[in-house]
Protein backbone atom coordinates (compact mmCIF):
# COMPACT_ATOMS: atom_id res chain seq x y z
CA MET A 1 66.02 -57.27 17.42
CA LYS A 2 64.26 -55.19 19.82
CA LYS A 3 63.04 -51.84 19.33
CA PRO A 4 63.70 -48.72 21.18
CA GLN A 5 61.45 -47.43 23.71
CA SER A 6 60.75 -44.02 21.92
CA GLU A 7 59.41 -45.77 18.84
CA ILE A 8 57.18 -48.24 21.09
CA ARG A 9 55.68 -44.76 23.19
CA ASN A 10 54.99 -43.40 19.90
CA GLU A 11 52.98 -46.50 18.75
CA LYS A 12 50.73 -46.88 21.33
CA SER A 13 50.39 -42.93 21.08
CA ARG A 14 48.57 -43.49 17.42
CA PHE A 15 46.71 -45.81 18.58
CA PRO A 16 44.89 -44.27 21.56
CA LYS A 17 42.36 -46.76 24.11
CA GLY A 18 38.64 -45.47 24.68
CA GLY A 19 36.83 -43.68 22.53
CA PHE A 20 32.80 -42.86 21.78
CA SER A 21 30.93 -45.73 21.25
CA PHE A 22 28.37 -46.00 18.08
CA ILE A 23 25.59 -45.62 21.14
CA GLU A 24 26.75 -42.15 22.92
CA VAL A 25 27.37 -41.06 19.25
CA MET A 26 23.64 -41.83 18.38
CA THR A 27 22.48 -39.95 21.55
CA THR A 28 24.01 -37.27 20.69
CA LEU A 29 22.91 -36.60 17.45
CA GLY A 30 19.82 -37.17 18.70
CA ILE A 31 19.59 -34.74 21.25
CA PHE A 32 21.51 -31.86 18.57
CA PHE A 33 18.46 -32.55 16.40
CA LEU A 34 15.68 -32.35 18.98
CA LEU A 35 17.54 -28.61 20.07
CA ALA A 36 17.68 -28.14 16.29
CA SER A 37 14.10 -28.61 15.46
CA VAL A 38 12.42 -26.91 18.61
CA GLY A 39 14.68 -23.91 17.97
CA LEU A 40 13.71 -23.85 13.67
CA GLY A 41 10.04 -24.21 14.86
CA ALA A 42 10.68 -21.29 17.14
CA TYR A 43 12.46 -19.09 14.44
CA PHE A 44 9.84 -19.89 11.44
CA GLN A 45 6.85 -19.04 14.24
CA TYR A 46 8.36 -15.65 15.22
CA TYR A 47 9.68 -14.65 11.59
CA LYS A 48 5.76 -15.30 10.60
CA PHE A 49 4.83 -13.42 13.51
CA SER A 50 7.76 -10.43 12.68
CA LEU A 51 5.98 -10.32 8.85
CA ILE A 52 2.18 -9.33 10.23
CA ASN A 53 3.70 -7.36 12.55
CA ASN A 54 5.16 -5.36 10.08
CA ASP A 55 1.98 -4.98 7.80
CA ILE A 56 0.73 -3.67 10.59
CA HIS A 57 3.45 -0.87 11.37
CA SER A 58 3.21 -0.22 7.84
CA ALA A 59 -0.54 0.47 7.76
CA GLN A 60 0.02 2.58 11.05
CA THR A 61 2.89 4.37 9.48
CA LEU A 62 1.16 5.28 6.78
CA ILE A 63 -1.81 6.75 8.18
CA ARG A 64 0.57 9.00 11.11
CA ASN A 65 1.95 10.40 7.98
CA THR A 66 -0.57 11.01 5.97
CA ARG A 67 -2.19 12.85 9.72
CA PHE A 68 1.35 14.86 9.78
CA LYS A 69 1.06 16.01 6.07
CA ALA A 70 -2.31 17.11 6.43
CA LEU A 71 -1.29 18.99 9.78
CA LYS A 72 1.33 20.79 8.57
CA ASN A 73 0.68 21.60 5.07
CA PRO A 74 1.68 24.39 3.01
CA THR A 75 -0.95 24.23 0.56
CA GLY A 76 -4.61 24.77 2.30
CA SER A 77 -5.40 20.53 0.56
CA ASN A 78 -6.56 18.18 2.93
CA TYR A 79 -5.03 14.44 2.79
CA GLY A 80 -6.79 11.27 2.74
CA VAL A 81 -6.43 7.89 3.64
CA HIS A 82 -8.60 5.24 1.26
CA ILE A 83 -9.13 1.89 2.73
CA ASP A 84 -10.03 -0.84 0.43
CA GLU A 85 -10.35 -4.20 1.77
CA ALA A 86 -11.12 -5.92 -1.34
CA THR A 87 -7.47 -5.41 -2.34
CA ASN A 88 -6.08 -4.91 1.29
CA GLU A 89 -3.96 -1.91 0.04
CA ILE A 90 -4.00 1.24 2.22
CA THR A 91 -3.54 4.48 -0.39
CA SER A 92 -2.56 7.56 0.94
CA PHE A 93 -3.99 10.93 -1.09
CA GLU A 94 -3.78 14.52 -1.30
CA GLY A 95 -7.23 16.21 -1.95
CA SER A 96 -9.86 13.95 -3.23
CA TYR A 97 -8.80 10.36 -3.92
CA VAL A 98 -8.69 9.12 -7.26
CA HIS A 99 -7.61 5.36 -7.89
CA GLY A 100 -4.29 5.34 -10.06
CA GLU A 101 -3.17 8.15 -9.42
CA SER A 102 0.84 9.21 -9.38
CA SER A 103 1.31 11.09 -6.59
CA ASN A 104 -0.92 8.78 -4.18
CA ILE A 105 1.09 6.04 -1.14
CA VAL A 106 0.08 2.90 -2.00
CA VAL A 107 1.11 0.61 0.82
CA GLN A 108 0.09 -3.52 0.12
CA LEU A 109 -0.70 -5.62 2.37
CA GLU A 110 0.58 -8.47 2.19
CA GLN A 111 0.69 -10.98 5.34
CA VAL A 112 -2.40 -9.75 6.93
CA THR A 113 -6.49 -9.54 5.38
CA ILE A 114 -8.25 -5.83 6.25
CA THR A 115 -11.41 -6.60 7.94
CA ASN A 116 -13.99 -5.06 9.88
CA LEU A 117 -14.05 -1.74 8.61
CA ASN A 118 -16.13 0.70 10.69
CA LEU A 119 -16.28 4.34 10.16
CA MET A 120 -18.04 7.19 11.01
CA PRO A 121 -18.77 8.19 7.01
CA THR A 122 -18.55 11.88 5.64
CA PRO A 123 -21.54 12.04 3.42
CA GLY A 124 -20.89 9.17 0.38
CA VAL A 125 -17.05 8.10 2.05
CA THR A 126 -17.29 5.13 4.09
CA ASP A 127 -13.72 4.01 3.10
CA GLN A 128 -11.82 6.61 3.35
CA ILE A 129 -10.38 8.63 6.35
CA ILE A 130 -10.04 12.71 5.65
CA PHE A 131 -7.76 15.02 7.47
CA GLN A 132 -8.54 18.71 8.08
CA ALA A 133 -5.76 20.76 6.60
CA GLY A 134 -4.34 22.43 9.95
CA THR A 135 -5.46 20.48 12.50
CA ALA A 136 -5.61 17.10 10.93
CA LYS A 137 -9.07 16.39 12.91
CA THR A 138 -11.47 13.90 10.83
CA GLN A 139 -15.00 13.28 10.70
CA ASN A 140 -14.27 10.27 9.77
CA THR A 141 -13.59 8.13 12.92
CA GLY A 142 -14.30 4.42 13.47
CA SER A 143 -11.91 1.65 13.31
CA PHE A 144 -11.04 -1.46 10.82
CA SER A 145 -9.22 -4.75 11.72
CA VAL A 146 -5.91 -5.66 10.30
CA GLY A 147 -4.97 -9.27 10.96
CA SER A 148 -4.25 -13.47 9.78
CA VAL A 149 -6.11 -16.22 11.23
CA ASN A 150 -4.54 -16.52 14.59
CA TYR A 151 -4.11 -12.74 15.04
CA SER A 152 -5.93 -9.51 14.96
CA TYR A 153 -5.17 -6.29 15.35
CA THR A 154 -8.40 -2.83 15.78
CA LEU A 155 -6.74 0.57 14.59
CA THR A 156 -9.08 3.07 15.60
CA ILE A 157 -9.09 6.67 14.44
CA ASN A 158 -10.38 9.38 16.78
CA ALA A 159 -11.46 12.85 16.41
CA GLU A 160 -8.42 14.13 16.83
CA GLY A 161 -7.41 12.39 13.56
CA ALA A 162 -4.56 10.07 15.97
CA ILE A 163 -4.72 6.45 15.94
CA ASP A 164 -5.60 4.66 19.35
């Protein structure tokens, strides 16, 4: 008995001719994985750089905020920033620096290290920037670097207390 024409068409449509060969599929996958590895490498490089930039930005922000407090403070006391190369910490304080004081604001730099601390010292103070109340000027001008193996950024404090 002969099959009706509609059944013959349905059988042909279930098994189409042609398709992709094994080589075409493998080539496509190879190109995909190559592009993915390049993209991931670039992403991780950018991510690492953004962590370093975040630490640098945190240090700048703490210094600027401390200077602003000295400029606008109602109590008349000086504000300052203590820079600790050994622990990679920058600490904002009011009055004079006391390690561990509860009112201190501490920024721990995780991705970078502090190097080349070179501040013109107020007598006896070589690791602090003291901002005068009302004017926010400082006698502790100078610079220090923050960075990693591949990247370094120098923060320079001028006589006005601003970061150049």
